[in-house]
Amino acid sequence: MSAPEASAAPAHVLVVDDEPQIRRFLEISLRAQGYRVDTADTGEQALRALATRGADLVVLDIGLPDMDGHEVLKALREWSQTPVIMLTVRASEPEKVAALDAGANDYVTKPFGVQELMARVRALLRSRMATGDTPPVFDDGELRVDLARREVFLRGLPLPLARKEYALLALLVGHAGRVVTQPQILREIWGQQHEADTHYLRVLVGKLRQKLGDDPAMPRWIATEPGVGLRFVGQRTA
């Protein structure tokens, strides 16, 4: 099996698993293929590493001590499209479907063959988009949204948001500059069965704008595309 070409910068892989022997085994195997490797044994540690150092690919165990791997994946997908291979002993079809629907790129069950895993790593790295991810922090000097830490500050002070208020803001910031349709927002926040319940969204965006002090007639951050959806229009400071 060929390693990454020496002329290119080595790809950066983050391994997230709470079992030390598996973490070490994967680290050795990936380094032998020429990759740069970071490791984490909790979900919180993994998200912090991704926010500060980034990665080209994540190998993510589902069974973590502090949070389920699906939760880690969901939090990561709020601001990053880094390829993720889910690694788990759970081999049921519903489990695989749930992981893929949540944004996983691939799924490998334990025990696994290391050569098969390396082939999947190479395939995902080859198809990785050349464009970068949305930076995990939006900051325009007045509003600061840290998607990795799930923190929001307004004029330097923490802004308390309800869970769905934060989910809406994070979704819009993660798609900054692009229209997010009403059905997509309703599906992401309330579930597929609520795609037609547009009044839910009207109430929620009203509450979020009120907390932000954002005028819908002259929006600084959240603009309405009539009949279509919402767009985050904030501009980061240089």
Protein backbone atom coordinates (compact mmCIF):
# COMPACT_ATOMS: atom_id res chain seq x y z
CA MET A 1 0.00 0.00 0.00
CA SER A 2 1.44 3.35 -0.95
CA ALA A 3 1.91 6.11 1.63
CA PRO A 4 1.06 9.73 0.88
CA GLU A 5 3.55 11.29 -1.52
CA ALA A 6 6.54 12.81 0.25
CA SER A 7 6.30 15.98 -1.81
CA ALA A 8 2.91 16.86 -0.31
CA ALA A 9 2.28 18.01 3.24
CA PRO A 10 1.22 14.98 5.30
CA ALA A 11 -2.50 14.72 5.89
CA HIS A 12 -3.58 15.31 9.49
CA VAL A 13 -5.77 12.62 11.10
CA LEU A 14 -7.47 12.86 14.48
CA VAL A 15 -8.17 9.53 16.21
CA VAL A 16 -10.89 9.66 18.88
CA ASP A 17 -11.26 6.51 21.01
CA ASP A 18 -11.37 5.90 24.75
CA GLU A 19 -9.50 2.57 24.54
CA PRO A 20 -5.73 3.29 24.88
CA GLN A 21 -4.66 0.16 23.01
CA ILE A 22 -6.84 0.97 19.98
CA ARG A 23 -5.75 4.62 20.04
CA ARG A 24 -2.09 3.58 20.09
CA PHE A 25 -2.57 0.91 17.41
CA LEU A 26 -4.28 3.38 15.06
CA GLU A 27 -1.69 6.06 15.74
CA ILE A 28 1.17 3.70 14.87
CA SER A 29 -0.62 2.38 11.76
CA LEU A 30 -1.43 5.86 10.46
CA ARG A 31 2.04 7.23 11.15
CA ALA A 32 3.49 4.26 9.29
CA GLN A 33 1.48 5.42 6.25
CA GLY A 34 3.00 8.90 6.53
CA TYR A 35 0.10 10.73 8.20
CA ARG A 36 0.37 13.27 11.00
CA VAL A 37 -1.75 12.02 13.91
CA ASP A 38 -3.42 13.57 16.95
CA THR A 39 -5.42 11.54 19.47
CA ALA A 40 -8.25 12.24 21.90
CA ASP A 41 -10.06 10.01 24.38
CA THR A 42 -13.21 12.09 24.99
CA GLY A 43 -15.67 13.96 22.82
CA GLU A 44 -14.92 17.29 24.47
CA GLN A 45 -11.20 16.81 23.92
CA ALA A 46 -11.83 15.94 20.28
CA LEU A 47 -13.95 19.03 19.59
CA ARG A 48 -11.39 21.25 21.31
CA ALA A 49 -8.57 19.73 19.23
CA LEU A 50 -10.53 20.23 16.02
CA ALA A 51 -11.33 23.83 16.90
CA THR A 52 -7.73 24.72 17.71
CA ARG A 53 -5.64 22.51 15.41
CA GLY A 54 -8.09 21.21 12.80
CA ALA A 55 -7.75 17.90 10.93
CA ASP A 56 -8.10 16.54 7.41
CA LEU A 57 -9.96 13.46 8.63
CA VAL A 58 -11.40 12.11 11.90
CA VAL A 59 -11.63 8.48 13.00
CA LEU A 60 -14.37 8.66 15.64
CA ASP A 61 -15.45 5.96 18.10
CA ILE A 62 -19.15 6.06 18.97
CA GLY A 63 -18.78 4.82 22.56
CA LEU A 64 -17.02 7.66 24.39
CA PRO A 65 -17.10 8.27 28.15
CA ASP A 66 -18.41 11.85 28.18
CA MET A 67 -20.68 12.04 25.14
CA ASP A 68 -21.95 9.73 22.43
CA GLY A 69 -20.02 9.79 19.16
CA HIS A 70 -23.21 10.85 17.39
CA GLU A 71 -23.29 13.97 19.60
CA VAL A 72 -19.66 14.74 18.72
CA LEU A 73 -20.47 14.35 15.03
CA LYS A 74 -23.53 16.59 15.30
CA ALA A 75 -21.54 19.30 17.08
CA LEU A 76 -18.74 19.06 14.51
CA ARG A 77 -21.14 19.29 11.57
CA GLU A 78 -22.40 22.64 12.86
CA TRP A 79 -19.20 24.23 11.55
CA SER A 80 -17.07 21.66 9.71
CA GLN A 81 -17.34 19.19 6.83
CA THR A 82 -14.14 17.35 7.79
CA PRO A 83 -14.52 13.71 6.67
CA VAL A 84 -15.44 11.38 9.54
CA ILE A 85 -15.12 7.59 9.75
CA MET A 86 -17.23 6.20 12.59
CA LEU A 87 -15.56 3.31 14.41
CA THR A 88 -17.69 1.10 16.67
CA VAL A 89 -18.67 -2.37 17.79
CA ARG A 90 -22.30 -1.58 16.96
CA ALA A 91 -22.92 -3.31 13.65
CA SER A 92 -26.71 -3.01 13.29
CA GLU A 93 -28.13 -1.44 10.15
CA PRO A 94 -30.14 1.23 12.05
CA GLU A 95 -26.94 2.29 13.83
CA LYS A 96 -25.09 2.65 10.52
CA VAL A 97 -27.98 4.56 8.94
CA ALA A 98 -28.15 6.92 11.93
CA ALA A 99 -24.43 7.66 11.69
CA LEU A 100 -24.53 8.30 7.95
CA ASP A 101 -27.66 10.44 8.22
CA ALA A 102 -25.93 12.50 10.92
CA GLY A 103 -23.10 13.32 8.54
CA ALA A 104 -20.56 10.49 8.85
CA ASN A 105 -18.71 9.74 5.61
CA ASP A 106 -17.98 6.10 6.36
CA TYR A 107 -18.54 3.43 8.99
CA VAL A 108 -16.19 0.64 10.16
CA THR A 109 -17.12 -1.97 12.77
CA LYS A 110 -14.77 -3.49 15.34
CA PRO A 111 -12.90 -5.76 14.98
CA PHE A 112 -11.59 -4.34 11.71
CA GLY A 113 -8.76 -5.01 9.30
CA VAL A 114 -6.19 -2.23 9.39
CA GLN A 115 -5.57 -2.41 5.63
CA GLU A 116 -9.27 -1.95 4.95
CA LEU A 117 -9.38 1.04 7.30
CA MET A 118 -6.32 2.60 5.63
CA ALA A 119 -7.95 2.15 2.23
CA ARG A 120 -11.05 3.99 3.48
CA VAL A 121 -8.86 6.76 4.92
CA ARG A 122 -7.07 7.18 1.59
CA ALA A 123 -10.35 7.22 -0.34
CA LEU A 124 -11.83 9.97 1.85
CA LEU A 125 -8.67 12.07 1.78
CA ARG A 126 -8.58 11.84 -2.02
CA SER A 127 -12.13 13.12 -2.28
CA ARG A 128 -11.70 15.85 0.33
CA MET A 129 -12.88 19.18 -1.01
CA ALA A 130 -10.09 21.67 -1.74
CA THR A 131 -12.09 24.50 -0.20
CA GLY A 132 -11.66 25.07 3.53
CA ASP A 133 -14.24 24.68 6.25
CA THR A 134 -16.25 27.46 7.77
CA PRO A 135 -14.04 28.86 10.55
CA PRO A 136 -15.37 27.69 13.93
CA VAL A 137 -15.55 31.26 15.27
CA PHE A 138 -17.55 34.16 13.85
CA ASP A 139 -16.51 37.52 15.30
CA ASP A 140 -17.36 40.94 13.90
CA GLY A 141 -16.31 42.88 16.96
CA GLU A 142 -19.84 42.96 18.36
CA LEU A 143 -21.22 39.44 17.97
CA ARG A 144 -18.99 36.45 18.65
CA VAL A 145 -20.22 32.91 17.97
CA ASP A 146 -17.83 30.09 18.87
CA LEU A 147 -19.33 27.04 17.19
CA ALA A 148 -16.83 24.60 18.66
CA ARG A 149 -17.39 25.73 22.25
CA ARG A 150 -21.08 26.51 21.69
CA GLU A 151 -20.67 30.00 23.17
CA VAL A 152 -22.24 33.29 22.08
CA PHE A 153 -21.14 36.76 23.20
CA LEU A 154 -22.77 40.09 22.39
CA ARG A 155 -20.68 43.22 22.98
CA GLY A 156 -18.31 41.22 25.14
CA LEU A 157 -20.97 39.68 27.40
CA PRO A 158 -22.27 36.08 27.32
CA LEU A 159 -25.60 35.91 25.51
CA PRO A 160 -27.91 33.30 27.07
CA LEU A 161 -29.80 31.46 24.35
CA ALA A 162 -32.33 28.66 24.61
CA ARG A 163 -31.30 25.40 22.96
CA LYS A 164 -33.31 25.94 19.78
CA GLU A 165 -32.27 29.61 19.57
CA TYR A 166 -28.63 28.55 19.62
CA ALA A 167 -29.30 25.74 17.13
CA LEU A 168 -30.81 28.23 14.67
CA LEU A 169 -27.96 30.72 15.06
CA ALA A 170 -25.32 27.99 14.68
CA LEU A 171 -27.04 26.60 11.58
CA LEU A 172 -27.12 30.02 9.93
CA VAL A 173 -23.53 30.92 10.89
CA GLY A 174 -22.37 27.53 9.60
CA HIS A 175 -23.93 28.40 6.22
CA ALA A 176 -22.96 32.09 6.32
CA GLY A 177 -23.77 33.96 3.11
CA ARG A 178 -26.01 31.18 1.81
CA VAL A 179 -29.77 30.89 2.03
CA VAL A 180 -30.94 28.15 4.39
CA THR A 181 -34.45 27.16 3.35
CA GLN A 182 -37.38 27.02 5.73
CA PRO A 183 -37.87 23.23 5.29
CA GLN A 184 -34.16 22.64 5.95
CA ILE A 185 -34.25 24.71 9.16
CA LEU A 186 -37.44 23.03 10.38
CA ARG A 187 -36.02 19.60 9.59
CA GLU A 188 -32.70 20.31 11.35
CA ILE A 189 -34.20 21.81 14.51
CA TRP A 190 -37.60 20.13 14.96
CA GLY A 191 -37.34 17.01 12.81
CA GLN A 192 -38.61 15.90 9.42
CA GLN A 193 -42.23 15.66 10.56
CA HIS A 194 -42.29 19.45 11.14
CA GLU A 195 -41.09 20.64 7.71
CA ALA A 196 -44.42 22.40 7.08
CA ASP A 197 -44.71 24.05 10.52
CA THR A 198 -43.38 27.44 9.43
CA HIS A 199 -45.00 29.21 12.39
CA TYR A 200 -42.49 27.46 14.66
CA LEU A 201 -39.71 29.18 12.75
CA ARG A 202 -41.38 32.60 12.75
CA VAL A 203 -41.63 32.51 16.55
CA LEU A 204 -38.08 31.24 17.01
CA VAL A 205 -36.39 33.73 14.70
CA GLY A 206 -38.36 36.52 16.35
CA LYS A 207 -37.03 35.54 19.78
CA LEU A 208 -33.47 35.21 18.47
CA ARG A 209 -33.58 38.60 16.75
CA GLN A 210 -34.94 40.18 19.92
CA LYS A 211 -32.02 38.83 21.97
CA LEU A 212 -29.52 39.94 19.34
CA GLY A 213 -31.17 43.34 18.91
CA ASP A 214 -31.29 42.66 15.17
CA ASP A 215 -33.82 44.72 13.20
CA PRO A 216 -35.49 42.54 10.52
CA ALA A 217 -36.08 45.66 8.40
CA MET A 218 -32.34 46.49 8.43
CA PRO A 219 -30.66 43.23 9.46
CA ARG A 220 -27.08 43.19 10.63
CA TRP A 221 -26.94 39.42 11.04
CA ILE A 222 -30.11 37.55 10.06
CA ALA A 223 -31.84 38.45 6.81
CA THR A 224 -35.13 37.00 5.58
CA GLU A 225 -35.42 35.78 2.00
CA PRO A 226 -39.23 36.10 1.60
CA GLY A 227 -40.91 32.79 0.96
CA VAL A 228 -37.57 30.95 0.89
CA GLY A 229 -35.66 31.04 4.15
CA LEU A 230 -32.98 32.89 6.12
CA ARG A 231 -29.46 34.06 5.39
CA PHE A 232 -26.67 35.01 7.82
CA VAL A 233 -25.23 38.25 6.46
CA GLY A 234 -22.74 39.20 9.20
CA GLN A 235 -19.22 40.11 8.14
CA ARG A 236 -16.17 38.96 10.10
CA THR A 237 -13.60 41.55 11.06
CA ALA A 238 -10.27 41.20 9.30
